[in-house]
Amino acid sequence: MKRIRALHVVLIYNSHRGTVPETPEDHGSTDELRVFIRAMARALRRLGHRVTVLGFSNDLLGFQRRLARLSPDVVFNQF
């Protein structure tokens, strides 16, 4: 089996606690989201990728700077 090159993957999630979901479909709990993010990170690491989990809150400028410094190959936004 051909091995793919390891990627730096950033998983983004909304860590701002005051966020109110816009639709009923968005009402998943923060705890469920964190469990999902951890499972996704484990699966990607098992495949040999480097994973960074990055919470997003109200500091957009700081978030943009950190993301630029990380220089990921791919970003997944998990809200």
PDB file of N, CA and C in Angstrom:
ATOM      1  N   MET A   1       0.826  -1.170   0.000  1.00  0.00           N
ATOM      2  CA  MET A   1       0.000   0.000   0.000  1.00  0.00           C
ATOM      3  C   MET A   1       0.882   1.249   0.000  1.00  0.00           C
ATOM      4  N   LYS A   2       0.552   2.187  -0.874  1.00  0.00           N
ATOM      5  CA  LYS A   2       1.342   3.404  -0.985  1.00  0.00           C
ATOM      6  C   LYS A   2       1.069   4.330   0.204  1.00  0.00           C
ATOM      7  N   ARG A   3       2.111   4.811   0.812  1.00  0.00           N
ATOM      8  CA  ARG A   3       2.005   5.697   1.984  1.00  0.00           C
ATOM      9  C   ARG A   3       1.888   7.145   1.513  1.00  0.00           C
ATOM     10  N   ILE A   4       0.876   7.867   2.014  1.00  0.00           N
ATOM     11  CA  ILE A   4       0.754   9.276   1.672  1.00  0.00           C
ATOM     12  C   ILE A   4       1.633  10.099   2.597  1.00  0.00           C
ATOM     13  N   ARG A   5       1.994  11.277   2.149  1.00  0.00           N
ATOM     14  CA  ARG A   5       2.864  12.123   2.972  1.00  0.00           C
ATOM     15  C   ARG A   5       2.075  12.650   4.161  1.00  0.00           C
ATOM     16  N   ALA A   6       2.755  12.739   5.284  1.00  0.00           N
ATOM     17  CA  ALA A   6       2.121  13.241   6.507  1.00  0.00           C
ATOM     18  C   ALA A   6       1.808  14.725   6.345  1.00  0.00           C
ATOM     19  N   LEU A   7       0.627  15.102   6.767  1.00  0.00           N
ATOM     20  CA  LEU A   7       0.178  16.488   6.679  1.00  0.00           C
ATOM     21  C   LEU A   7       0.069  17.098   8.075  1.00  0.00           C
ATOM     22  N   HIS A   8       0.177  18.414   8.115  1.00  0.00           N
ATOM     23  CA  HIS A   8      -0.134  19.128   9.355  1.00  0.00           C
ATOM     24  C   HIS A   8      -1.587  19.556   9.233  1.00  0.00           C
ATOM     25  N   VAL A   9      -2.435  18.987  10.078  1.00  0.00           N
ATOM     26  CA  VAL A   9      -3.876  19.226  10.046  1.00  0.00           C
ATOM     27  C   VAL A   9      -4.264  20.054  11.269  1.00  0.00           C
ATOM     28  N   VAL A  10      -5.025  21.124  11.039  1.00  0.00           N
ATOM     29  CA  VAL A  10      -5.551  21.922  12.145  1.00  0.00           C
ATOM     30  C   VAL A  10      -7.053  21.697  12.217  1.00  0.00           C
ATOM     31  N   LEU A  11      -7.524  21.326  13.398  1.00  0.00           N
ATOM     32  CA  LEU A  11      -8.954  21.153  13.650  1.00  0.00           C
ATOM     33  C   LEU A  11      -9.430  22.366  14.438  1.00  0.00           C
ATOM     34  N   ILE A  12     -10.352  23.122  13.854  1.00  0.00           N
ATOM     35  CA  ILE A  12     -10.866  24.335  14.489  1.00  0.00           C
ATOM     36  C   ILE A  12     -12.250  24.054  15.050  1.00  0.00           C
ATOM     37  N   TYR A  13     -12.495  24.562  16.255  1.00  0.00           N
ATOM     38  CA  TYR A  13     -13.840  24.467  16.821  1.00  0.00           C
ATOM     39  C   TYR A  13     -14.163  25.773  17.538  1.00  0.00           C
ATOM     40  N   ASN A  14     -15.431  26.064  17.690  1.00  0.00           N
ATOM     41  CA  ASN A  14     -15.883  27.279  18.340  1.00  0.00           C
ATOM     42  C   ASN A  14     -15.810  27.088  19.849  1.00  0.00           C
ATOM     43  N   SER A  15     -14.885  27.770  20.488  1.00  0.00           N
ATOM     44  CA  SER A  15     -14.708  27.611  21.936  1.00  0.00           C
ATOM     45  C   SER A  15     -15.372  28.730  22.728  1.00  0.00           C
ATOM     46  N   HIS A  16     -16.049  29.636  22.056  1.00  0.00           N
ATOM     47  CA  HIS A  16     -16.734  30.739  22.741  1.00  0.00           C
ATOM     48  C   HIS A  16     -18.012  30.211  23.378  1.00  0.00           C
ATOM     49  N   ARG A  17     -18.101  30.247  24.672  1.00  0.00           N
ATOM     50  CA  ARG A  17     -19.231  29.658  25.402  1.00  0.00           C
ATOM     51  C   ARG A  17     -20.538  30.415  25.215  1.00  0.00           C
ATOM     52  N   GLY A  18     -20.494  31.679  24.846  1.00  0.00           N
ATOM     53  CA  GLY A  18     -21.707  32.466  24.726  1.00  0.00           C
ATOM     54  C   GLY A  18     -22.409  32.334  23.386  1.00  0.00           C
ATOM     55  N   THR A  19     -21.907  31.484  22.514  1.00  0.00           N
ATOM     56  CA  THR A  19     -22.478  31.346  21.185  1.00  0.00           C
ATOM     57  C   THR A  19     -23.823  30.633  21.250  1.00  0.00           C
ATOM     58  N   VAL A  20     -24.802  31.191  20.584  1.00  0.00           N
ATOM     59  CA  VAL A  20     -26.130  30.583  20.517  1.00  0.00           C
ATOM     60  C   VAL A  20     -26.320  30.029  19.112  1.00  0.00           C
ATOM     61  N   PRO A  21     -26.600  28.738  18.975  1.00  0.00           N
ATOM     62  CA  PRO A  21     -26.809  28.161  17.644  1.00  0.00           C
ATOM     63  C   PRO A  21     -27.961  28.845  16.925  1.00  0.00           C
ATOM     64  N   GLU A  22     -27.813  29.008  15.610  1.00  0.00           N
ATOM     65  CA  GLU A  22     -28.822  29.697  14.816  1.00  0.00           C
ATOM     66  C   GLU A  22     -30.011  28.808  14.477  1.00  0.00           C
ATOM     67  N   THR A  23     -29.786  27.517  14.345  1.00  0.00           N
ATOM     68  CA  THR A  23     -30.860  26.603  13.968  1.00  0.00           C
ATOM     69  C   THR A  23     -30.904  25.433  14.943  1.00  0.00           C
ATOM     70  N   PRO A  24     -32.041  24.748  15.028  1.00  0.00           N
ATOM     71  CA  PRO A  24     -32.127  23.585  15.927  1.00  0.00           C
ATOM     72  C   PRO A  24     -31.084  22.514  15.610  1.00  0.00           C
ATOM     73  N   GLU A  25     -30.688  22.398  14.348  1.00  0.00           N
ATOM     74  CA  GLU A  25     -29.698  21.385  13.956  1.00  0.00           C
ATOM     75  C   GLU A  25     -28.327  21.670  14.558  1.00  0.00           C
ATOM     76  N   ASP A  26     -28.077  22.918  14.960  1.00  0.00           N
ATOM     77  CA  ASP A  26     -26.779  23.317  15.502  1.00  0.00           C
ATOM     78  C   ASP A  26     -26.696  23.199  17.020  1.00  0.00           C
ATOM     79  N   HIS A  27     -27.673  22.571  17.655  1.00  0.00           N
ATOM     80  CA  HIS A  27     -27.738  22.550  19.112  1.00  0.00           C
ATOM     81  C   HIS A  27     -26.911  21.447  19.769  1.00  0.00           C
ATOM     82  N   GLY A  28     -25.967  20.831  19.065  1.00  0.00           N
ATOM     83  CA  GLY A  28     -25.099  19.836  19.684  1.00  0.00           C
ATOM     84  C   GLY A  28     -24.315  20.475  20.817  1.00  0.00           C
ATOM     85  N   SER A  29     -24.085  19.731  21.860  1.00  0.00           N
ATOM     86  CA  SER A  29     -23.412  20.305  23.023  1.00  0.00           C
ATOM     87  C   SER A  29     -21.921  20.489  22.769  1.00  0.00           C
ATOM     88  N   THR A  30     -21.345  21.393  23.524  1.00  0.00           N
ATOM     89  CA  THR A  30     -19.908  21.631  23.446  1.00  0.00           C
ATOM     90  C   THR A  30     -19.142  20.376  23.830  1.00  0.00           C
ATOM     91  N   ASP A  31     -19.648  19.637  24.809  1.00  0.00           N
ATOM     92  CA  ASP A  31     -18.984  18.394  25.219  1.00  0.00           C
ATOM     93  C   ASP A  31     -18.960  17.387  24.079  1.00  0.00           C
ATOM     94  N   GLU A  32     -20.070  17.245  23.372  1.00  0.00           N
ATOM     95  CA  GLU A  32     -20.123  16.325  22.227  1.00  0.00           C
ATOM     96  C   GLU A  32     -19.137  16.749  21.153  1.00  0.00           C
ATOM     97  N   LEU A  33     -19.042  18.052  20.928  1.00  0.00           N
ATOM     98  CA  LEU A  33     -18.111  18.568  19.927  1.00  0.00           C
ATOM     99  C   LEU A  33     -16.677  18.238  20.313  1.00  0.00           C
ATOM    100  N   ARG A  34     -16.334  18.418  21.584  1.00  0.00           N
ATOM    101  CA  ARG A  34     -14.967  18.116  22.034  1.00  0.00           C
ATOM    102  C   ARG A  34     -14.653  16.628  21.916  1.00  0.00           C
ATOM    103  N   VAL A  35     -15.612  15.778  22.216  1.00  0.00           N
ATOM    104  CA  VAL A  35     -15.423  14.333  22.055  1.00  0.00           C
ATOM    105  C   VAL A  35     -15.167  14.018  20.583  1.00  0.00           C
ATOM    106  N   PHE A  36     -15.945  14.623  19.706  1.00  0.00           N
ATOM    107  CA  PHE A  36     -15.779  14.408  18.268  1.00  0.00           C
ATOM    108  C   PHE A  36     -14.407  14.890  17.792  1.00  0.00           C
ATOM    109  N   ILE A  37     -13.995  16.071  18.248  1.00  0.00           N
ATOM    110  CA  ILE A  37     -12.693  16.624  17.859  1.00  0.00           C
ATOM    111  C   ILE A  37     -11.567  15.697  18.317  1.00  0.00           C
ATOM    112  N   ARG A  38     -11.643  15.216  19.564  1.00  0.00           N
ATOM    113  CA  ARG A  38     -10.600  14.301  20.071  1.00  0.00           C
ATOM    114  C   ARG A  38     -10.546  13.018  19.252  1.00  0.00           C
ATOM    115  N   ALA A  39     -11.702  12.470  18.905  1.00  0.00           N
ATOM    116  CA  ALA A  39     -11.741  11.240  18.105  1.00  0.00           C
ATOM    117  C   ALA A  39     -11.158  11.482  16.719  1.00  0.00           C
ATOM    118  N   MET A  40     -11.491  12.614  16.137  1.00  0.00           N
ATOM    119  CA  MET A  40     -10.965  12.950  14.816  1.00  0.00           C
ATOM    120  C   MET A  40      -9.443  13.130  14.871  1.00  0.00           C
ATOM    121  N   ALA A  41      -8.960  13.796  15.905  1.00  0.00           N
ATOM    122  CA  ALA A  41      -7.518  14.002  16.068  1.00  0.00           C
ATOM    123  C   ALA A  41      -6.797  12.665  16.236  1.00  0.00           C
ATOM    124  N   ARG A  42      -7.362  11.771  17.056  1.00  0.00           N
ATOM    125  CA  ARG A  42      -6.748  10.442  17.248  1.00  0.00           C
ATOM    126  C   ARG A  42      -6.663   9.680  15.931  1.00  0.00           C
ATOM    127  N   ALA A  43      -7.746   9.699  15.167  1.00  0.00           N
ATOM    128  CA  ALA A  43      -7.769   8.974  13.891  1.00  0.00           C
ATOM    129  C   ALA A  43      -6.731   9.537  12.925  1.00  0.00           C
ATOM    130  N   LEU A  44      -6.630  10.849  12.853  1.00  0.00           N
ATOM    131  CA  LEU A  44      -5.647  11.463  11.952  1.00  0.00           C
ATOM    132  C   LEU A  44      -4.223  11.163  12.404  1.00  0.00           C
ATOM    133  N   ARG A  45      -3.988  11.180  13.716  1.00  0.00           N
ATOM    134  CA  ARG A  45      -2.646  10.863  14.230  1.00  0.00           C
ATOM    135  C   ARG A  45      -2.283   9.407  13.950  1.00  0.00           C
ATOM    136  N   ARG A  46      -3.254   8.512  14.073  1.00  0.00           N
ATOM    137  CA  ARG A  46      -2.999   7.102  13.762  1.00  0.00           C
ATOM    138  C   ARG A  46      -2.595   6.915  12.306  1.00  0.00           C
ATOM    139  N   LEU A  47      -3.083   7.796  11.456  1.00  0.00           N
ATOM    140  CA  LEU A  47      -2.727   7.735  10.038  1.00  0.00           C
ATOM    141  C   LEU A  47      -1.381   8.401   9.757  1.00  0.00           C
ATOM    142  N   GLY A  48      -0.752   8.944  10.805  1.00  0.00           N
ATOM    143  CA  GLY A  48       0.578   9.517  10.671  1.00  0.00           C
ATOM    144  C   GLY A  48       0.622  11.022  10.481  1.00  0.00           C
ATOM    145  N   HIS A  49      -0.506  11.691  10.617  1.00  0.00           N
ATOM    146  CA  HIS A  49      -0.540  13.138  10.428  1.00  0.00           C
ATOM    147  C   HIS A  49      -0.264  13.863  11.743  1.00  0.00           C
ATOM    148  N   ARG A  50       0.249  15.074  11.631  1.00  0.00           N
ATOM    149  CA  ARG A  50       0.448  15.938  12.798  1.00  0.00           C
ATOM    150  C   ARG A  50      -0.817  16.765  12.952  1.00  0.00           C
ATOM    151  N   VAL A  51      -1.395  16.776  14.137  1.00  0.00           N
ATOM    152  CA  VAL A  51      -2.684  17.435  14.360  1.00  0.00           C
ATOM    153  C   VAL A  51      -2.552  18.499  15.444  1.00  0.00           C
ATOM    154  N   THR A  52      -3.116  19.668  15.159  1.00  0.00           N
ATOM    155  CA  THR A  52      -3.226  20.738  16.140  1.00  0.00           C
ATOM    156  C   THR A  52      -4.701  21.070  16.293  1.00  0.00           C
ATOM    157  N   VAL A  53      -5.185  21.094  17.532  1.00  0.00           N
ATOM    158  CA  VAL A  53      -6.570  21.479  17.805  1.00  0.00           C
ATOM    159  C   VAL A  53      -6.548  22.939  18.245  1.00  0.00           C
ATOM    160  N   LEU A  54      -7.358  23.751  17.577  1.00  0.00           N
ATOM    161  CA  LEU A  54      -7.336  25.190  17.807  1.00  0.00           C
ATOM    162  C   LEU A  54      -8.741  25.701  18.072  1.00  0.00           C
ATOM    163  N   GLY A  55      -8.967  26.165  19.299  1.00  0.00           N
ATOM    164  CA  GLY A  55     -10.262  26.734  19.644  1.00  0.00           C
ATOM    165  C   GLY A  55     -10.380  28.160  19.137  1.00  0.00           C
ATOM    166  N   PHE A  56     -11.552  28.510  18.652  1.00  0.00           N
ATOM    167  CA  PHE A  56     -11.809  29.865  18.171  1.00  0.00           C
ATOM    168  C   PHE A  56     -12.759  30.569  19.123  1.00  0.00           C
ATOM    169  N   SER A  57     -12.381  31.795  19.532  1.00  0.00           N
ATOM    170  CA  SER A  57     -13.278  32.574  20.390  1.00  0.00           C
ATOM    171  C   SER A  57     -13.478  33.944  19.759  1.00  0.00           C
ATOM    172  N   ASN A  58     -13.475  34.993  20.538  1.00  0.00           N
ATOM    173  CA  ASN A  58     -13.753  36.330  20.008  1.00  0.00           C
ATOM    174  C   ASN A  58     -12.532  37.061  19.469  1.00  0.00           C
ATOM    175  N   ASP A  59     -11.335  36.539  19.676  1.00  0.00           N
ATOM    176  CA  ASP A  59     -10.111  37.225  19.258  1.00  0.00           C
ATOM    177  C   ASP A  59      -9.721  36.803  17.841  1.00  0.00           C
ATOM    178  N   LEU A  60     -10.381  37.393  16.848  1.00  0.00           N
ATOM    179  CA  LEU A  60     -10.145  37.010  15.457  1.00  0.00           C
ATOM    180  C   LEU A  60      -8.712  37.288  15.028  1.00  0.00           C
ATOM    181  N   LEU A  61      -8.172  38.439  15.385  1.00  0.00           N
ATOM    182  CA  LEU A  61      -6.811  38.779  14.985  1.00  0.00           C
ATOM    183  C   LEU A  61      -5.794  37.797  15.577  1.00  0.00           C
ATOM    184  N   GLY A  62      -5.937  37.486  16.868  1.00  0.00           N
ATOM    185  CA  GLY A  62      -5.042  36.519  17.498  1.00  0.00           C
ATOM    186  C   GLY A  62      -5.172  35.143  16.869  1.00  0.00           C
ATOM    187  N   PHE A  63      -6.395  34.765  16.559  1.00  0.00           N
ATOM    188  CA  PHE A  63      -6.648  33.477  15.910  1.00  0.00           C
ATOM    189  C   PHE A  63      -5.968  33.421  14.540  1.00  0.00           C
ATOM    190  N   GLN A  64      -6.111  34.489  13.752  1.00  0.00           N
ATOM    191  CA  GLN A  64      -5.487  34.536  12.427  1.00  0.00           C
ATOM    192  C   GLN A  64      -3.971  34.450  12.530  1.00  0.00           C
ATOM    193  N   ARG A  65      -3.395  35.162  13.499  1.00  0.00           N
ATOM    194  CA  ARG A  65      -1.938  35.108  13.684  1.00  0.00           C
ATOM    195  C   ARG A  65      -1.472  33.702  14.044  1.00  0.00           C
ATOM    196  N   ARG A  66      -2.177  33.079  14.962  1.00  0.00           N
ATOM    197  CA  ARG A  66      -1.783  31.727  15.387  1.00  0.00           C
ATOM    198  C   ARG A  66      -1.909  30.740  14.232  1.00  0.00           C
ATOM    199  N   LEU A  67      -2.988  30.832  13.480  1.00  0.00           N
ATOM    200  CA  LEU A  67      -3.181  29.940  12.342  1.00  0.00           C
ATOM    201  C   LEU A  67      -2.085  30.150  11.298  1.00  0.00           C
ATOM    202  N   ALA A  68      -1.714  31.390  11.038  1.00  0.00           N
ATOM    203  CA  ALA A  68      -0.638  31.679  10.081  1.00  0.00           C
ATOM    204  C   ALA A  68       0.689  31.104  10.572  1.00  0.00           C
ATOM    205  N   ARG A  69       0.969  31.227  11.884  1.00  0.00           N
ATOM    206  CA  ARG A  69       2.216  30.666  12.440  1.00  0.00           C
ATOM    207  C   ARG A  69       2.249  29.147  12.330  1.00  0.00           C
ATOM    208  N   LEU A  70       1.103  28.513  12.498  1.00  0.00           N
ATOM    209  CA  LEU A  70       1.037  27.051  12.417  1.00  0.00           C
ATOM    210  C   LEU A  70       1.288  26.560  11.000  1.00  0.00           C
ATOM    211  N   SER A  71       0.901  27.357  10.017  1.00  0.00           N
ATOM    212  CA  SER A  71       1.110  27.032   8.606  1.00  0.00           C
ATOM    213  C   SER A  71       0.663  25.601   8.260  1.00  0.00           C
ATOM    214  N   PRO A  72      -0.623  25.303   8.479  1.00  0.00           N
ATOM    215  CA  PRO A  72      -1.105  23.936   8.236  1.00  0.00           C
ATOM    216  C   PRO A  72      -1.246  23.621   6.750  1.00  0.00           C
ATOM    217  N   ASP A  73      -1.252  22.337   6.450  1.00  0.00           N
ATOM    218  CA  ASP A  73      -1.532  21.888   5.088  1.00  0.00           C
ATOM    219  C   ASP A  73      -3.030  21.888   4.817  1.00  0.00           C
ATOM    220  N   VAL A  74      -3.804  21.603   5.859  1.00  0.00           N
ATOM    221  CA  VAL A  74      -5.261  21.542   5.719  1.00  0.00           C
ATOM    222  C   VAL A  74      -5.908  21.943   7.042  1.00  0.00           C
ATOM    223  N   VAL A  75      -7.095  22.571   6.943  1.00  0.00           N
ATOM    224  CA  VAL A  75      -7.837  23.014   8.127  1.00  0.00           C
ATOM    225  C   VAL A  75      -9.255  22.473   8.035  1.00  0.00           C
ATOM    226  N   PHE A  76      -9.730  21.886   9.133  1.00  0.00           N
ATOM    227  CA  PHE A  76     -11.122  21.445   9.230  1.00  0.00           C
ATOM    228  C   PHE A  76     -11.814  22.322  10.263  1.00  0.00           C
ATOM    229  N   ASN A  77     -12.906  22.970   9.869  1.00  0.00           N
ATOM    230  CA  ASN A  77     -13.686  23.795  10.782  1.00  0.00           C
ATOM    231  C   ASN A  77     -14.857  22.966  11.282  1.00  0.00           C
ATOM    232  N   GLN A  78     -14.863  22.669  12.567  1.00  0.00           N
ATOM    233  CA  GLN A  78     -15.910  21.842  13.162  1.00  0.00           C
ATOM    234  C   GLN A  78     -16.936  22.653  13.931  1.00  0.00           C
ATOM    235  N   PHE A  79     -16.957  23.986  13.742  1.00  0.00           N
ATOM    236  CA  PHE A  79     -17.838  24.913  14.433  1.00  0.00           C
ATOM    237  C   PHE A  79     -17.721  24.645  15.873  1.00  0.00           C
TER     238      PHE A  79
END
